[in-house]
Amino acid sequence: MKRDEAAELAGSCGLGAWTAFGVLTMVVVGHDGIPVFADADFLSWSVGHRPEVAVALARGLTDTGTGVIPYALAVLAALIAGRTPRQRALTVALCLGCLGAGQALRYAVMTLVTRPRPHLTDWATHASGWSFPSGHTTTAALTAGLLIIAVRVRGPRGTTPLTLGIGGWGASVGLTRVYLGVHWFTDVVGGWLFALGWLGLCLSAVAHWLPERWTPGATDMNTDMARGTAEPTGSAAGGRTDTAPEQADAAREQREDHAPDDPGRGGRSRSA
């Protein structure tokens, strides 16, 4: 896919996701933070189905969506996408900037919406702050998106199973927040939509403004080969110019050797 097409597609997906997120935010605010849609049903099912093993697994999985792990995975995504040291250094900065700015913007939205969490008696793990959108969900979805983009950029063929596995991890972290009783299901959906919108806008900006030689996945060798085939080499161009006088002198000497002895003999040359 061309850079302009990728930028347009990513921007459209990001704008569509943020439009849906805006609608969901207005619904949540309009209901004063109380459960909407199937929020209460999902929470009720989760509280009634909590064996100790499942709770332990859910706690371990939900911990991967916060702290240093997402940032380490973002660095890994940058190292996978970049091919040269310069590309990798730039991609590390872009991935960390995307993840950090996305978390900061999500926190600002959460502070403005101020949606209460489910009742404390339903919690099966520790949580803090407001509820919408879910922080763990947003962070895990952003990290999974960066990894998926890096894998697809580096090798678009044969990466479907790995892509599905990464996406499943990102989605599962969000679902554990509902299962552990610290978020409503619409908080998780809001985190997914927010992450998709932010990733789309970031990817569109990179594809639109980043120079091609710095784009992750591009190689300097390909650029040099393309430049070499587009422009003639100096030796070839200079060779035609330098040999032209020599060829003219050789032709002149040949004509003089075969010149007629007498102009009146009809131009017949003397024998060698």
C-alpha atoms as a PDB file:
ATOM      1  CA  MET A   1       0.000   0.000   0.000  1.00  0.00           C
ATOM      2  CA  LYS A   2       1.273   3.475  -0.882  1.00  0.00           C
ATOM      3  CA  ARG A   3       2.080   5.985   1.815  1.00  0.00           C
ATOM      4  CA  ASP A   4      -0.771   8.329   0.863  1.00  0.00           C
ATOM      5  CA  GLU A   5      -3.278   5.479   0.858  1.00  0.00           C
ATOM      6  CA  ALA A   6      -2.019   4.212   4.221  1.00  0.00           C
ATOM      7  CA  ALA A   7      -2.239   7.706   5.729  1.00  0.00           C
ATOM      8  CA  GLU A   8      -5.783   8.165   4.440  1.00  0.00           C
ATOM      9  CA  LEU A   9      -6.948   4.744   5.649  1.00  0.00           C
ATOM     10  CA  ALA A  10      -5.389   5.134   9.097  1.00  0.00           C
ATOM     11  CA  GLY A  11      -6.807   8.636   9.471  1.00  0.00           C
ATOM     12  CA  SER A  12     -10.286   7.483   8.470  1.00  0.00           C
ATOM     13  CA  CYS A  13     -10.205   4.572  10.942  1.00  0.00           C
ATOM     14  CA  GLY A  14      -8.940   6.839  13.703  1.00  0.00           C
ATOM     15  CA  LEU A  15     -11.568   9.481  13.056  1.00  0.00           C
ATOM     16  CA  GLY A  16     -14.332   6.868  12.943  1.00  0.00           C
ATOM     17  CA  ALA A  17     -13.191   5.275  16.223  1.00  0.00           C
ATOM     18  CA  TRP A  18     -13.023   8.623  17.985  1.00  0.00           C
ATOM     19  CA  THR A  19     -16.471   9.545  16.677  1.00  0.00           C
ATOM     20  CA  ALA A  20     -17.866   6.369  18.233  1.00  0.00           C
ATOM     21  CA  PHE A  21     -15.920   7.115  21.412  1.00  0.00           C
ATOM     22  CA  GLY A  22     -17.432  10.587  21.544  1.00  0.00           C
ATOM     23  CA  VAL A  23     -20.952   9.182  21.217  1.00  0.00           C
ATOM     24  CA  LEU A  24     -20.302   6.639  23.965  1.00  0.00           C
ATOM     25  CA  THR A  25     -18.843   9.342  26.188  1.00  0.00           C
ATOM     26  CA  MET A  26     -21.953  11.485  25.772  1.00  0.00           C
ATOM     27  CA  VAL A  27     -24.145   8.497  26.673  1.00  0.00           C
ATOM     28  CA  VAL A  28     -22.117   7.845  29.823  1.00  0.00           C
ATOM     29  CA  VAL A  29     -22.160  11.502  30.839  1.00  0.00           C
ATOM     30  CA  GLY A  30     -25.880  11.768  30.073  1.00  0.00           C
ATOM     31  CA  HIS A  31     -26.626   8.910  32.497  1.00  0.00           C
ATOM     32  CA  ASP A  32     -24.528  10.497  35.284  1.00  0.00           C
ATOM     33  CA  GLY A  33     -22.125   7.549  35.305  1.00  0.00           C
ATOM     34  CA  ILE A  34     -24.673   4.893  36.230  1.00  0.00           C
ATOM     35  CA  PRO A  35     -24.519   1.527  34.368  1.00  0.00           C
ATOM     36  CA  VAL A  36     -25.770   1.626  30.782  1.00  0.00           C
ATOM     37  CA  PHE A  37     -26.652  -1.075  28.265  1.00  0.00           C
ATOM     38  CA  ALA A  38     -25.454  -4.443  29.637  1.00  0.00           C
ATOM     39  CA  ASP A  39     -22.995  -3.117  32.241  1.00  0.00           C
ATOM     40  CA  ALA A  40     -24.860  -4.506  35.224  1.00  0.00           C
ATOM     41  CA  ASP A  41     -25.400  -7.909  33.580  1.00  0.00           C
ATOM     42  CA  PHE A  42     -21.703  -8.371  32.755  1.00  0.00           C
ATOM     43  CA  LEU A  43     -20.684  -7.403  36.280  1.00  0.00           C
ATOM     44  CA  SER A  44     -23.262  -9.691  37.854  1.00  0.00           C
ATOM     45  CA  TRP A  45     -22.055 -12.649  35.780  1.00  0.00           C
ATOM     46  CA  SER A  46     -18.430 -11.938  36.655  1.00  0.00           C
ATOM     47  CA  VAL A  47     -19.099 -11.815  40.388  1.00  0.00           C
ATOM     48  CA  GLY A  48     -20.940 -15.137  40.222  1.00  0.00           C
ATOM     49  CA  HIS A  49     -18.203 -16.974  38.286  1.00  0.00           C
ATOM     50  CA  ARG A  50     -14.927 -16.475  40.150  1.00  0.00           C
ATOM     51  CA  PRO A  51     -13.027 -19.665  40.945  1.00  0.00           C
ATOM     52  CA  GLU A  52      -9.676 -19.051  42.609  1.00  0.00           C
ATOM     53  CA  VAL A  53      -7.620 -20.220  39.621  1.00  0.00           C
ATOM     54  CA  ALA A  54      -9.493 -17.947  37.200  1.00  0.00           C
ATOM     55  CA  VAL A  55      -9.102 -14.967  39.519  1.00  0.00           C
ATOM     56  CA  ALA A  56      -5.365 -15.584  39.848  1.00  0.00           C
ATOM     57  CA  LEU A  57      -4.956 -15.833  36.081  1.00  0.00           C
ATOM     58  CA  ALA A  58      -7.031 -12.692  35.565  1.00  0.00           C
ATOM     59  CA  ARG A  59      -4.904 -10.766  38.065  1.00  0.00           C
ATOM     60  CA  GLY A  60      -1.693 -11.869  36.366  1.00  0.00           C
ATOM     61  CA  LEU A  61      -3.012 -10.929  32.943  1.00  0.00           C
ATOM     62  CA  THR A  62      -4.376  -7.573  34.033  1.00  0.00           C
ATOM     63  CA  ASP A  63      -0.973  -6.636  35.502  1.00  0.00           C
ATOM     64  CA  THR A  64       0.572  -6.820  32.005  1.00  0.00           C
ATOM     65  CA  GLY A  65      -1.508  -3.823  30.997  1.00  0.00           C
ATOM     66  CA  THR A  66       0.217  -1.342  33.303  1.00  0.00           C
ATOM     67  CA  GLY A  67       3.625  -0.374  34.637  1.00  0.00           C
ATOM     68  CA  VAL A  68       6.854  -0.996  32.737  1.00  0.00           C
ATOM     69  CA  ILE A  69       5.623  -3.924  30.630  1.00  0.00           C
ATOM     70  CA  PRO A  70       3.710  -1.859  28.015  1.00  0.00           C
ATOM     71  CA  TYR A  71       6.676   0.485  27.547  1.00  0.00           C
ATOM     72  CA  ALA A  72       9.067  -2.456  27.162  1.00  0.00           C
ATOM     73  CA  LEU A  73       6.758  -3.941  24.527  1.00  0.00           C
ATOM     74  CA  ALA A  74       6.574  -0.571  22.760  1.00  0.00           C
ATOM     75  CA  VAL A  75      10.383  -0.524  22.542  1.00  0.00           C
ATOM     76  CA  LEU A  76      10.291  -4.082  21.213  1.00  0.00           C
ATOM     77  CA  ALA A  77       7.809  -2.998  18.536  1.00  0.00           C
ATOM     78  CA  ALA A  78      10.155  -0.202  17.492  1.00  0.00           C
ATOM     79  CA  LEU A  79      13.128  -2.556  17.228  1.00  0.00           C
ATOM     80  CA  ILE A  80      11.080  -4.957  15.103  1.00  0.00           C
ATOM     81  CA  ALA A  81       9.837  -2.261  12.709  1.00  0.00           C
ATOM     82  CA  GLY A  82      13.154  -0.471  12.145  1.00  0.00           C
ATOM     83  CA  ARG A  83      15.828  -1.936   9.871  1.00  0.00           C
ATOM     84  CA  THR A  84      18.698   0.497  10.353  1.00  0.00           C
ATOM     85  CA  PRO A  85      20.046   2.016  13.604  1.00  0.00           C
ATOM     86  CA  ARG A  86      18.683   5.420  12.628  1.00  0.00           C
ATOM     87  CA  GLN A  87      15.222   4.022  11.895  1.00  0.00           C
ATOM     88  CA  ARG A  88      15.165   2.093  15.160  1.00  0.00           C
ATOM     89  CA  ALA A  89      16.177   5.105  17.232  1.00  0.00           C
ATOM     90  CA  LEU A  90      13.486   7.219  15.611  1.00  0.00           C
ATOM     91  CA  THR A  91      10.859   4.485  15.895  1.00  0.00           C
ATOM     92  CA  VAL A  92      11.590   3.996  19.603  1.00  0.00           C
ATOM     93  CA  ALA A  93      10.924   7.695  20.163  1.00  0.00           C
ATOM     94  CA  LEU A  94       7.718   7.556  18.094  1.00  0.00           C
ATOM     95  CA  CYS A  95       6.346   4.449  19.861  1.00  0.00           C
ATOM     96  CA  LEU A  96       7.101   5.746  23.339  1.00  0.00           C
ATOM     97  CA  GLY A  97       5.680   9.141  22.431  1.00  0.00           C
ATOM     98  CA  CYS A  98       2.495   7.567  21.062  1.00  0.00           C
ATOM     99  CA  LEU A  99       2.010   5.433  24.167  1.00  0.00           C
ATOM    100  CA  GLY A 100       2.871   8.164  26.667  1.00  0.00           C
ATOM    101  CA  ALA A 101       0.790  10.878  24.974  1.00  0.00           C
ATOM    102  CA  GLY A 102      -2.124   8.470  24.621  1.00  0.00           C
ATOM    103  CA  GLN A 103      -2.053   7.687  28.332  1.00  0.00           C
ATOM    104  CA  ALA A 104      -1.901  11.366  29.225  1.00  0.00           C
ATOM    105  CA  LEU A 105      -4.817  12.215  26.955  1.00  0.00           C
ATOM    106  CA  ARG A 106      -6.840   9.288  28.309  1.00  0.00           C
ATOM    107  CA  TYR A 107      -6.215  10.464  31.853  1.00  0.00           C
ATOM    108  CA  ALA A 108      -7.475  13.947  30.927  1.00  0.00           C
ATOM    109  CA  VAL A 109     -10.695  12.491  29.510  1.00  0.00           C
ATOM    110  CA  MET A 110     -11.145  10.281  32.587  1.00  0.00           C
ATOM    111  CA  THR A 111     -10.786  13.314  34.855  1.00  0.00           C
ATOM    112  CA  LEU A 112     -13.378  15.259  32.877  1.00  0.00           C
ATOM    113  CA  VAL A 113     -15.964  12.448  32.762  1.00  0.00           C
ATOM    114  CA  THR A 114     -15.526  11.431  36.455  1.00  0.00           C
ATOM    115  CA  ARG A 115     -17.498   8.199  36.190  1.00  0.00           C
ATOM    116  CA  PRO A 116     -17.603   6.160  39.435  1.00  0.00           C
ATOM    117  CA  ARG A 117     -16.367   2.588  39.478  1.00  0.00           C
ATOM    118  CA  PRO A 118     -18.547  -0.396  40.453  1.00  0.00           C
ATOM    119  CA  HIS A 119     -19.188  -0.892  44.146  1.00  0.00           C
ATOM    120  CA  LEU A 120     -16.122  -1.785  46.191  1.00  0.00           C
ATOM    121  CA  THR A 121     -17.658  -5.055  47.414  1.00  0.00           C
ATOM    122  CA  ASP A 122     -17.496  -6.431  43.829  1.00  0.00           C
ATOM    123  CA  TRP A 123     -13.759  -5.814  43.424  1.00  0.00           C
ATOM    124  CA  ALA A 124     -11.343  -8.731  43.199  1.00  0.00           C
ATOM    125  CA  THR A 125      -8.207  -6.600  42.745  1.00  0.00           C
ATOM    126  CA  HIS A 126      -6.864  -3.158  43.544  1.00  0.00           C
ATOM    127  CA  ALA A 127      -7.860  -0.117  41.460  1.00  0.00           C
ATOM    128  CA  SER A 128      -7.673   3.660  41.707  1.00  0.00           C
ATOM    129  CA  GLY A 129      -8.997   6.698  39.901  1.00  0.00           C
ATOM    130  CA  TRP A 130     -12.148   7.193  37.883  1.00  0.00           C
ATOM    131  CA  SER A 131     -13.685   4.526  35.700  1.00  0.00           C
ATOM    132  CA  PHE A 132     -14.188   5.800  32.116  1.00  0.00           C
ATOM    133  CA  PRO A 133     -12.300   4.987  29.959  1.00  0.00           C
ATOM    134  CA  SER A 134     -10.398   2.054  31.431  1.00  0.00           C
ATOM    135  CA  GLY A 135      -6.693   2.815  31.806  1.00  0.00           C
ATOM    136  CA  HIS A 136      -5.456  -0.785  31.643  1.00  0.00           C
ATOM    137  CA  THR A 137      -7.617  -1.413  28.589  1.00  0.00           C
ATOM    138  CA  THR A 138      -6.376   1.677  26.770  1.00  0.00           C
ATOM    139  CA  THR A 139      -2.716   1.017  27.554  1.00  0.00           C
ATOM    140  CA  ALA A 140      -2.868  -2.649  26.519  1.00  0.00           C
ATOM    141  CA  ALA A 141      -4.764  -1.846  23.322  1.00  0.00           C
ATOM    142  CA  LEU A 142      -2.255   0.858  22.362  1.00  0.00           C
ATOM    143  CA  THR A 143       0.658  -1.490  23.023  1.00  0.00           C
ATOM    144  CA  ALA A 144      -0.949  -4.336  21.081  1.00  0.00           C
ATOM    145  CA  GLY A 145      -1.627  -1.975  18.190  1.00  0.00           C
ATOM    146  CA  LEU A 146       2.006  -0.861  18.065  1.00  0.00           C
ATOM    147  CA  LEU A 147       3.186  -4.472  18.061  1.00  0.00           C
ATOM    148  CA  ILE A 148       0.755  -5.452  15.315  1.00  0.00           C
ATOM    149  CA  ILE A 149       1.814  -2.512  13.144  1.00  0.00           C
ATOM    150  CA  ALA A 150       5.495  -3.384  13.662  1.00  0.00           C
ATOM    151  CA  VAL A 151       4.970  -7.048  12.764  1.00  0.00           C
ATOM    152  CA  ARG A 152       2.964  -6.190   9.647  1.00  0.00           C
ATOM    153  CA  VAL A 153       5.496  -3.605   8.506  1.00  0.00           C
ATOM    154  CA  ARG A 154       8.449  -5.959   8.919  1.00  0.00           C
ATOM    155  CA  GLY A 155       6.827  -9.015   7.304  1.00  0.00           C
ATOM    156  CA  PRO A 156       3.251  -8.736   5.974  1.00  0.00           C
ATOM    157  CA  ARG A 157       3.120 -12.405   4.915  1.00  0.00           C
ATOM    158  CA  GLY A 158       2.643 -15.287   7.318  1.00  0.00           C
ATOM    159  CA  THR A 159       2.087 -13.067  10.359  1.00  0.00           C
ATOM    160  CA  THR A 160      -1.661 -13.600  10.784  1.00  0.00           C
ATOM    161  CA  PRO A 161      -1.395 -16.046  13.740  1.00  0.00           C
ATOM    162  CA  LEU A 162       1.016 -13.735  15.553  1.00  0.00           C
ATOM    163  CA  THR A 163      -1.216 -10.749  14.841  1.00  0.00           C
ATOM    164  CA  LEU A 164      -4.252 -12.563  16.238  1.00  0.00           C
ATOM    165  CA  GLY A 165      -2.301 -13.591  19.330  1.00  0.00           C
ATOM    166  CA  ILE A 166      -1.188 -10.019  20.037  1.00  0.00           C
ATOM    167  CA  GLY A 167      -4.691  -8.691  19.458  1.00  0.00           C
ATOM    168  CA  GLY A 168      -6.133 -11.363  21.741  1.00  0.00           C
ATOM    169  CA  TRP A 169      -3.775 -10.320  24.525  1.00  0.00           C
ATOM    170  CA  GLY A 170      -4.759  -6.658  24.165  1.00  0.00           C
ATOM    171  CA  ALA A 171      -8.464  -7.482  24.262  1.00  0.00           C
ATOM    172  CA  SER A 172      -8.119  -9.934  27.168  1.00  0.00           C
ATOM    173  CA  VAL A 173      -6.525  -7.338  29.427  1.00  0.00           C
ATOM    174  CA  GLY A 174      -9.621  -5.195  29.022  1.00  0.00           C
ATOM    175  CA  LEU A 175     -11.980  -8.078  29.728  1.00  0.00           C
ATOM    176  CA  THR A 176     -10.142  -8.910  32.966  1.00  0.00           C
ATOM    177  CA  ARG A 177     -11.047  -5.463  34.266  1.00  0.00           C
ATOM    178  CA  VAL A 178     -14.733  -6.349  34.016  1.00  0.00           C
ATOM    179  CA  TYR A 179     -14.179  -9.858  35.370  1.00  0.00           C
ATOM    180  CA  LEU A 180     -12.337  -8.494  38.414  1.00  0.00           C
ATOM    181  CA  GLY A 181     -15.173  -6.036  39.048  1.00  0.00           C
ATOM    182  CA  VAL A 182     -13.213  -2.767  38.864  1.00  0.00           C
ATOM    183  CA  HIS A 183     -14.714  -1.470  35.583  1.00  0.00           C
ATOM    184  CA  TRP A 184     -17.992  -1.453  33.723  1.00  0.00           C
ATOM    185  CA  PHE A 185     -18.046  -3.073  30.295  1.00  0.00           C
ATOM    186  CA  THR A 186     -18.629   0.296  28.611  1.00  0.00           C
ATOM    187  CA  ASP A 187     -15.422   1.522  30.274  1.00  0.00           C
ATOM    188  CA  VAL A 188     -13.570  -1.231  28.430  1.00  0.00           C
ATOM    189  CA  VAL A 189     -15.306  -0.490  25.123  1.00  0.00           C
ATOM    190  CA  GLY A 190     -14.405   3.169  25.584  1.00  0.00           C
ATOM    191  CA  GLY A 191     -10.757   2.212  26.126  1.00  0.00           C
ATOM    192  CA  TRP A 192     -10.717   0.124  22.937  1.00  0.00           C
ATOM    193  CA  LEU A 193     -12.270   2.918  20.867  1.00  0.00           C
ATOM    194  CA  PHE A 194      -9.965   5.543  22.328  1.00  0.00           C
ATOM    195  CA  ALA A 195      -6.861   3.439  21.625  1.00  0.00           C
ATOM    196  CA  LEU A 196      -7.940   2.670  18.056  1.00  0.00           C
ATOM    197  CA  GLY A 197      -8.636   6.337  17.369  1.00  0.00           C
ATOM    198  CA  TRP A 198      -5.314   7.514  18.795  1.00  0.00           C
ATOM    199  CA  LEU A 199      -3.340   4.836  16.935  1.00  0.00           C
ATOM    200  CA  GLY A 200      -5.050   5.711  13.663  1.00  0.00           C
ATOM    201  CA  LEU A 201      -4.235   9.406  13.991  1.00  0.00           C
ATOM    202  CA  CYS A 202      -0.614   8.706  14.982  1.00  0.00           C
ATOM    203  CA  LEU A 203      -0.097   6.275  12.115  1.00  0.00           C
ATOM    204  CA  SER A 204      -1.665   8.706   9.660  1.00  0.00           C
ATOM    205  CA  ALA A 205       0.637  11.495  10.814  1.00  0.00           C
ATOM    206  CA  VAL A 206       3.749   9.302  10.524  1.00  0.00           C
ATOM    207  CA  ALA A 207       2.802   8.038   7.048  1.00  0.00           C
ATOM    208  CA  HIS A 208       2.001  11.559   5.853  1.00  0.00           C
ATOM    209  CA  TRP A 209       4.871  13.623   7.251  1.00  0.00           C
ATOM    210  CA  LEU A 210       7.776  11.289   7.997  1.00  0.00           C
ATOM    211  CA  PRO A 211      10.440  11.265   5.217  1.00  0.00           C
ATOM    212  CA  GLU A 212      10.480   8.013   3.265  1.00  0.00           C
ATOM    213  CA  ARG A 213      14.102   7.158   4.086  1.00  0.00           C
ATOM    214  CA  TRP A 214      13.239   7.299   7.813  1.00  0.00           C
ATOM    215  CA  THR A 215      10.041   5.290   7.486  1.00  0.00           C
ATOM    216  CA  PRO A 216      10.189   1.990   9.427  1.00  0.00           C
ATOM    217  CA  GLY A 217      10.586  -0.920   7.034  1.00  0.00           C
ATOM    218  CA  ALA A 218      12.374   1.012   4.289  1.00  0.00           C
ATOM    219  CA  THR A 219      15.978   0.156   3.462  1.00  0.00           C
ATOM    220  CA  ASP A 220      18.780   2.479   2.415  1.00  0.00           C
ATOM    221  CA  MET A 221      19.946  -0.102  -0.140  1.00  0.00           C
ATOM    222  CA  ASN A 222      16.639   0.044  -1.969  1.00  0.00           C
ATOM    223  CA  THR A 223      16.784   3.810  -2.033  1.00  0.00           C
ATOM    224  CA  ASP A 224      20.312   3.792  -3.459  1.00  0.00           C
ATOM    225  CA  MET A 225      19.402   1.224  -6.100  1.00  0.00           C
ATOM    226  CA  ALA A 226      16.380   3.258  -7.145  1.00  0.00           C
ATOM    227  CA  ARG A 227      18.523   6.378  -7.391  1.00  0.00           C
ATOM    228  CA  GLY A 228      21.153   4.525  -9.395  1.00  0.00           C
ATOM    229  CA  THR A 229      18.675   3.231 -11.961  1.00  0.00           C
ATOM    230  CA  ALA A 230      17.027   6.616 -12.315  1.00  0.00           C
ATOM    231  CA  GLU A 231      20.283   8.514 -13.013  1.00  0.00           C
ATOM    232  CA  PRO A 232      23.000   7.524 -15.561  1.00  0.00           C
ATOM    233  CA  THR A 233      26.441   6.857 -14.148  1.00  0.00           C
ATOM    234  CA  GLY A 234      29.114   9.448 -14.632  1.00  0.00           C
ATOM    235  CA  SER A 235      31.515   7.072 -16.383  1.00  0.00           C
ATOM    236  CA  ALA A 236      28.927   6.048 -18.958  1.00  0.00           C
ATOM    237  CA  ALA A 237      27.884   9.617 -19.704  1.00  0.00           C
ATOM    238  CA  GLY A 238      31.448  10.836 -19.826  1.00  0.00           C
ATOM    239  CA  GLY A 239      32.543   7.907 -22.008  1.00  0.00           C
ATOM    240  CA  ARG A 240      30.313   8.915 -24.879  1.00  0.00           C
ATOM    241  CA  THR A 241      31.556  12.477 -24.752  1.00  0.00           C
ATOM    242  CA  ASP A 242      35.269  11.559 -24.607  1.00  0.00           C
ATOM    243  CA  THR A 243      35.260   8.958 -27.409  1.00  0.00           C
ATOM    244  CA  ALA A 244      33.378  11.115 -29.923  1.00  0.00           C
ATOM    245  CA  PRO A 245      36.468  13.232 -30.972  1.00  0.00           C
ATOM    246  CA  GLU A 246      38.601  10.098 -31.275  1.00  0.00           C
ATOM    247  CA  GLN A 247      36.088   8.471 -33.596  1.00  0.00           C
ATOM    248  CA  ALA A 248      35.928  11.633 -35.709  1.00  0.00           C
ATOM    249  CA  ASP A 249      39.752  11.730 -36.045  1.00  0.00           C
ATOM    250  CA  ALA A 250      39.879   8.059 -37.081  1.00  0.00           C
ATOM    251  CA  ALA A 251      37.243   8.617 -39.766  1.00  0.00           C
ATOM    252  CA  ARG A 252      39.143  11.639 -41.075  1.00  0.00           C
ATOM    253  CA  GLU A 253      42.392   9.675 -41.359  1.00  0.00           C
ATOM    254  CA  GLN A 254      40.607   6.874 -43.209  1.00  0.00           C
ATOM    255  CA  ARG A 255      39.191   9.303 -45.751  1.00  0.00           C
ATOM    256  CA  GLU A 256      42.644  10.849 -46.326  1.00  0.00           C
ATOM    257  CA  ASP A 257      44.239   7.405 -46.940  1.00  0.00           C
ATOM    258  CA  HIS A 258      41.616   6.592 -49.597  1.00  0.00           C
ATOM    259  CA  ALA A 259      41.498  10.032 -51.174  1.00  0.00           C
ATOM    260  CA  PRO A 260      41.724  10.078 -55.046  1.00  0.00           C
ATOM    261  CA  ASP A 261      45.131  10.910 -56.566  1.00  0.00           C
ATOM    262  CA  ASP A 262      43.541  12.985 -59.291  1.00  0.00           C
ATOM    263  CA  PRO A 263      40.194  14.759 -58.929  1.00  0.00           C
ATOM    264  CA  GLY A 264      39.492  14.090 -62.594  1.00  0.00           C
ATOM    265  CA  ARG A 265      39.543  10.282 -62.347  1.00  0.00           C
ATOM    266  CA  GLY A 266      35.946  10.047 -61.168  1.00  0.00           C
ATOM    267  CA  GLY A 267      36.845   9.658 -57.511  1.00  0.00           C
ATOM    268  CA  ARG A 268      38.401   6.167 -57.791  1.00  0.00           C
ATOM    269  CA  SER A 269      40.765   5.429 -54.975  1.00  0.00           C
ATOM    270  CA  ARG A 270      44.286   4.176 -55.462  1.00  0.00           C
ATOM    271  CA  SER A 271      44.857   0.629 -54.472  1.00  0.00           C
ATOM    272  CA  ALA A 272      46.215  -0.206 -51.107  1.00  0.00           C
END
